[in-house]
Amino acid sequence: MQDTTQTFLFQNLLLKPVIAAFDQPYSSSDGGAILLRAVDESLGLTEAMAREFLDPRQAGKVAHSMRDMLRQRIHLIACGYADCNDSDRLADDPIQKLLLDRDPIDGRSLASQPTLSRFENAATKRDLLSSHPLTARFSLRAPERGTPEVPTARSSPSP
């Protein structure tokens, strides 16, 4: 039998190194979301949006930050999970956890379907109106900042 294992390292995109190997017990079909996270990190969009949302929850009872739930929801939608029904199944998905800066194997589970549904339904008119100009501002500013540099298998990483 011939060994055909190949790995690629995505440097400087996340806090932890990501190695794409196709023979691992913990796998995910959402690897492309790492590139979305790189764009989000470069623009700072979800970070800025999360600051605009009011958080009426009691601080001592909060398990998932507004930023984490917003990022989780946006990344799930971008990966094709249009509603919250898949959240429970994906709460321990290694890529989805990595997108929220959690250890892909041992990191804390992501927000559940009921938690994300409450998050979506708790958004007020003020939250939605305050995020609209913010997203427009980022959309108009994005070409000025350029696209994030994403290494490919053919290019060598910058020193």
C-alpha atoms as a PDB file:
ATOM      1  CA  MET A   1       0.000   0.000   0.000  1.00  0.00           C
ATOM      2  CA  GLN A   2       1.334   3.422  -0.962  1.00  0.00           C
ATOM      3  CA  ASP A   3       1.331   6.227   1.604  1.00  0.00           C
ATOM      4  CA  THR A   4      -0.325   9.305   0.075  1.00  0.00           C
ATOM      5  CA  THR A   5      -0.686  11.454   3.192  1.00  0.00           C
ATOM      6  CA  GLN A   6      -0.168  15.146   2.447  1.00  0.00           C
ATOM      7  CA  THR A   7      -0.319  18.051   4.853  1.00  0.00           C
ATOM      8  CA  PHE A   8      -0.539  21.796   4.347  1.00  0.00           C
ATOM      9  CA  LEU A   9       0.125  24.355   7.063  1.00  0.00           C
ATOM     10  CA  PHE A  10      -1.963  27.550   7.135  1.00  0.00           C
ATOM     11  CA  GLN A  11       0.443  29.910   8.863  1.00  0.00           C
ATOM     12  CA  ASN A  12      -0.519  33.091  10.686  1.00  0.00           C
ATOM     13  CA  LEU A  13      -4.287  32.715  10.280  1.00  0.00           C
ATOM     14  CA  LEU A  14      -5.261  31.504  13.744  1.00  0.00           C
ATOM     15  CA  LEU A  15      -3.783  31.244  17.216  1.00  0.00           C
ATOM     16  CA  LYS A  16      -3.124  27.529  16.720  1.00  0.00           C
ATOM     17  CA  PRO A  17      -1.420  25.938  13.714  1.00  0.00           C
ATOM     18  CA  VAL A  18      -3.795  24.196  11.312  1.00  0.00           C
ATOM     19  CA  ILE A  19      -2.613  21.132   9.468  1.00  0.00           C
ATOM     20  CA  ALA A  20      -4.911  19.682   6.827  1.00  0.00           C
ATOM     21  CA  ALA A  21      -4.462  15.920   6.934  1.00  0.00           C
ATOM     22  CA  PHE A  22      -7.109  13.634   5.566  1.00  0.00           C
ATOM     23  CA  ASP A  23      -6.533  10.653   7.828  1.00  0.00           C
ATOM     24  CA  GLN A  24      -7.498  12.098  11.207  1.00  0.00           C
ATOM     25  CA  PRO A  25     -10.209  10.822  13.570  1.00  0.00           C
ATOM     26  CA  TYR A  26     -11.454  14.376  14.249  1.00  0.00           C
ATOM     27  CA  SER A  27     -12.441  15.783  10.902  1.00  0.00           C
ATOM     28  CA  SER A  28     -14.659  18.499   9.493  1.00  0.00           C
ATOM     29  CA  SER A  29     -16.001  19.394   6.084  1.00  0.00           C
ATOM     30  CA  ASP A  30     -15.817  23.122   6.874  1.00  0.00           C
ATOM     31  CA  GLY A  31     -12.096  23.744   6.305  1.00  0.00           C
ATOM     32  CA  GLY A  32     -12.767  26.587   3.864  1.00  0.00           C
ATOM     33  CA  ALA A  33     -14.176  28.621   6.733  1.00  0.00           C
ATOM     34  CA  ILE A  34     -10.609  29.228   7.907  1.00  0.00           C
ATOM     35  CA  LEU A  35     -10.219  31.598   4.961  1.00  0.00           C
ATOM     36  CA  LEU A  36     -13.439  33.397   5.945  1.00  0.00           C
ATOM     37  CA  ARG A  37     -12.050  33.785   9.449  1.00  0.00           C
ATOM     38  CA  ALA A  38      -8.854  35.264   7.999  1.00  0.00           C
ATOM     39  CA  VAL A  39     -10.883  37.882   6.112  1.00  0.00           C
ATOM     40  CA  ASP A  40     -12.985  38.631   9.194  1.00  0.00           C
ATOM     41  CA  GLU A  41      -9.872  38.954  11.336  1.00  0.00           C
ATOM     42  CA  SER A  42      -8.269  41.278   8.782  1.00  0.00           C
ATOM     43  CA  LEU A  43     -11.362  43.513   8.624  1.00  0.00           C
ATOM     44  CA  GLY A  44     -12.314  43.223  12.301  1.00  0.00           C
ATOM     45  CA  LEU A  45     -15.965  43.060  11.264  1.00  0.00           C
ATOM     46  CA  THR A  46     -17.456  40.650  13.815  1.00  0.00           C
ATOM     47  CA  GLU A  47     -15.370  42.216  16.582  1.00  0.00           C
ATOM     48  CA  ALA A  48     -16.824  45.646  15.765  1.00  0.00           C
ATOM     49  CA  MET A  49     -20.348  44.299  15.295  1.00  0.00           C
ATOM     50  CA  ALA A  50     -20.294  42.527  18.662  1.00  0.00           C
ATOM     51  CA  ARG A  51     -19.431  45.816  20.388  1.00  0.00           C
ATOM     52  CA  GLU A  52     -22.631  47.337  18.948  1.00  0.00           C
ATOM     53  CA  PHE A  53     -24.947  44.713  20.460  1.00  0.00           C
ATOM     54  CA  LEU A  54     -26.313  45.345  23.936  1.00  0.00           C
ATOM     55  CA  ASP A  55     -25.904  42.357  26.251  1.00  0.00           C
ATOM     56  CA  PRO A  56     -28.751  42.304  28.794  1.00  0.00           C
ATOM     57  CA  ARG A  57     -27.653  38.967  30.294  1.00  0.00           C
ATOM     58  CA  GLN A  58     -26.454  38.559  33.869  1.00  0.00           C
ATOM     59  CA  ALA A  59     -22.662  38.487  33.660  1.00  0.00           C
ATOM     60  CA  GLY A  60     -22.307  35.587  36.129  1.00  0.00           C
ATOM     61  CA  LYS A  61     -24.517  33.345  34.000  1.00  0.00           C
ATOM     62  CA  VAL A  62     -22.880  34.009  30.622  1.00  0.00           C
ATOM     63  CA  ALA A  63     -21.197  30.960  29.055  1.00  0.00           C
ATOM     64  CA  HIS A  64     -20.780  32.341  25.501  1.00  0.00           C
ATOM     65  CA  SER A  65     -19.846  35.945  24.730  1.00  0.00           C
ATOM     66  CA  MET A  66     -21.845  38.025  22.277  1.00  0.00           C
ATOM     67  CA  ARG A  67     -18.804  38.073  19.991  1.00  0.00           C
ATOM     68  CA  ASP A  68     -18.514  34.276  20.051  1.00  0.00           C
ATOM     69  CA  MET A  69     -22.209  33.735  19.344  1.00  0.00           C
ATOM     70  CA  LEU A  70     -22.154  36.300  16.539  1.00  0.00           C
ATOM     71  CA  ARG A  71     -19.063  34.716  15.007  1.00  0.00           C
ATOM     72  CA  GLN A  72     -20.466  31.214  15.419  1.00  0.00           C
ATOM     73  CA  ARG A  73     -23.724  32.194  13.742  1.00  0.00           C
ATOM     74  CA  ILE A  74     -22.043  34.042  10.867  1.00  0.00           C
ATOM     75  CA  HIS A  75     -19.576  31.214  10.225  1.00  0.00           C
ATOM     76  CA  LEU A  76     -22.345  28.603  10.329  1.00  0.00           C
ATOM     77  CA  ILE A  77     -24.399  30.571   7.805  1.00  0.00           C
ATOM     78  CA  ALA A  78     -21.332  30.999   5.569  1.00  0.00           C
ATOM     79  CA  CYS A  79     -20.759  27.226   5.731  1.00  0.00           C
ATOM     80  CA  GLY A  80     -24.307  26.554   4.538  1.00  0.00           C
ATOM     81  CA  TYR A  81     -26.079  25.993   7.857  1.00  0.00           C
ATOM     82  CA  ALA A  82     -28.836  28.571   7.369  1.00  0.00           C
ATOM     83  CA  ASP A  83     -30.693  28.036  10.622  1.00  0.00           C
ATOM     84  CA  CYS A  84     -29.675  27.037  14.144  1.00  0.00           C
ATOM     85  CA  ASN A  85     -30.854  23.421  13.855  1.00  0.00           C
ATOM     86  CA  ASP A  86     -27.332  22.141  13.123  1.00  0.00           C
ATOM     87  CA  SER A  87     -25.727  23.974  16.049  1.00  0.00           C
ATOM     88  CA  ASP A  88     -25.960  21.049  18.461  1.00  0.00           C
ATOM     89  CA  ARG A  89     -24.386  18.652  15.959  1.00  0.00           C
ATOM     90  CA  LEU A  90     -21.621  21.153  15.172  1.00  0.00           C
ATOM     91  CA  ALA A  91     -20.940  22.274  18.764  1.00  0.00           C
ATOM     92  CA  ASP A  92     -17.845  20.040  18.851  1.00  0.00           C
ATOM     93  CA  ASP A  93     -16.812  20.323  15.190  1.00  0.00           C
ATOM     94  CA  PRO A  94     -13.041  20.929  15.232  1.00  0.00           C
ATOM     95  CA  ILE A  95     -13.046  23.647  12.558  1.00  0.00           C
ATOM     96  CA  GLN A  96     -16.026  25.471  14.040  1.00  0.00           C
ATOM     97  CA  LYS A  97     -14.304  25.462  17.445  1.00  0.00           C
ATOM     98  CA  LEU A  98     -11.034  26.658  15.906  1.00  0.00           C
ATOM     99  CA  LEU A  99     -12.859  29.588  14.290  1.00  0.00           C
ATOM    100  CA  LEU A 100     -13.728  30.796  17.797  1.00  0.00           C
ATOM    101  CA  ASP A 101     -10.138  30.406  19.064  1.00  0.00           C
ATOM    102  CA  ARG A 102     -10.902  27.206  20.944  1.00  0.00           C
ATOM    103  CA  ASP A 103      -8.814  24.080  20.931  1.00  0.00           C
ATOM    104  CA  PRO A 104     -10.325  21.909  18.154  1.00  0.00           C
ATOM    105  CA  ILE A 105     -10.230  18.729  20.250  1.00  0.00           C
ATOM    106  CA  ASP A 106     -10.268  19.691  23.932  1.00  0.00           C
ATOM    107  CA  GLY A 107     -11.859  23.143  23.684  1.00  0.00           C
ATOM    108  CA  ARG A 108     -15.182  23.994  25.242  1.00  0.00           C
ATOM    109  CA  SER A 109     -18.254  23.184  23.108  1.00  0.00           C
ATOM    110  CA  LEU A 110     -19.864  25.966  21.106  1.00  0.00           C
ATOM    111  CA  ALA A 111     -23.282  27.444  21.820  1.00  0.00           C
ATOM    112  CA  SER A 112     -26.223  25.070  21.484  1.00  0.00           C
ATOM    113  CA  GLN A 113     -29.253  25.487  19.223  1.00  0.00           C
ATOM    114  CA  PRO A 114     -31.460  26.956  21.995  1.00  0.00           C
ATOM    115  CA  THR A 115     -28.712  29.414  22.998  1.00  0.00           C
ATOM    116  CA  LEU A 116     -28.165  30.606  19.420  1.00  0.00           C
ATOM    117  CA  SER A 117     -31.914  30.862  18.837  1.00  0.00           C
ATOM    118  CA  ARG A 118     -32.267  33.039  21.948  1.00  0.00           C
ATOM    119  CA  PHE A 119     -29.340  35.149  20.715  1.00  0.00           C
ATOM    120  CA  GLU A 120     -30.987  35.694  17.321  1.00  0.00           C
ATOM    121  CA  ASN A 121     -34.394  36.454  18.820  1.00  0.00           C
ATOM    122  CA  ALA A 122     -32.974  38.843  21.427  1.00  0.00           C
ATOM    123  CA  ALA A 123     -31.604  41.271  18.828  1.00  0.00           C
ATOM    124  CA  THR A 124     -33.394  44.576  19.197  1.00  0.00           C
ATOM    125  CA  LYS A 125     -34.262  47.142  16.560  1.00  0.00           C
ATOM    126  CA  ARG A 126     -31.421  49.274  17.971  1.00  0.00           C
ATOM    127  CA  ASP A 127     -28.950  46.377  17.544  1.00  0.00           C
ATOM    128  CA  LEU A 128     -29.966  45.844  13.945  1.00  0.00           C
ATOM    129  CA  LEU A 129     -29.962  49.537  13.050  1.00  0.00           C
ATOM    130  CA  SER A 130     -26.564  50.122  14.664  1.00  0.00           C
ATOM    131  CA  SER A 131     -24.989  47.221  12.783  1.00  0.00           C
ATOM    132  CA  HIS A 132     -26.301  48.337   9.365  1.00  0.00           C
ATOM    133  CA  PRO A 133     -24.067  51.434   8.959  1.00  0.00           C
ATOM    134  CA  LEU A 134     -21.177  49.459  10.410  1.00  0.00           C
ATOM    135  CA  THR A 135     -21.401  46.722   7.777  1.00  0.00           C
ATOM    136  CA  ALA A 136     -21.828  49.348   5.052  1.00  0.00           C
ATOM    137  CA  ARG A 137     -18.726  51.182   6.291  1.00  0.00           C
ATOM    138  CA  PHE A 138     -16.690  47.963   6.258  1.00  0.00           C
ATOM    139  CA  SER A 139     -17.993  47.046   2.805  1.00  0.00           C
ATOM    140  CA  LEU A 140     -16.987  50.404   1.388  1.00  0.00           C
ATOM    141  CA  ARG A 141     -13.609  50.394   3.165  1.00  0.00           C
ATOM    142  CA  ALA A 142     -12.599  46.809   2.276  1.00  0.00           C
ATOM    143  CA  PRO A 143     -11.095  47.547  -1.173  1.00  0.00           C
ATOM    144  CA  GLU A 144      -8.921  50.285   0.335  1.00  0.00           C
ATOM    145  CA  ARG A 145      -7.352  47.850   2.806  1.00  0.00           C
ATOM    146  CA  GLY A 146      -6.749  45.201   0.183  1.00  0.00           C
ATOM    147  CA  THR A 147      -7.342  41.511   0.510  1.00  0.00           C
ATOM    148  CA  PRO A 148      -5.646  39.498   3.231  1.00  0.00           C
ATOM    149  CA  GLU A 149      -2.605  37.566   2.126  1.00  0.00           C
ATOM    150  CA  VAL A 150      -3.451  33.865   2.231  1.00  0.00           C
ATOM    151  CA  PRO A 151      -0.630  31.399   1.595  1.00  0.00           C
ATOM    152  CA  THR A 152      -1.210  28.742  -1.008  1.00  0.00           C
ATOM    153  CA  ALA A 153       0.383  25.343  -1.453  1.00  0.00           C
ATOM    154  CA  ARG A 154       2.540  26.823  -4.257  1.00  0.00           C
ATOM    155  CA  SER A 155       3.725  29.954  -2.470  1.00  0.00           C
ATOM    156  CA  SER A 156       6.212  29.964   0.319  1.00  0.00           C
ATOM    157  CA  PRO A 157       5.310  31.767   3.531  1.00  0.00           C
ATOM    158  CA  SER A 158       6.772  35.200   4.164  1.00  0.00           C
ATOM    159  CA  PRO A 159       9.675  35.258   6.637  1.00  0.00           C
END
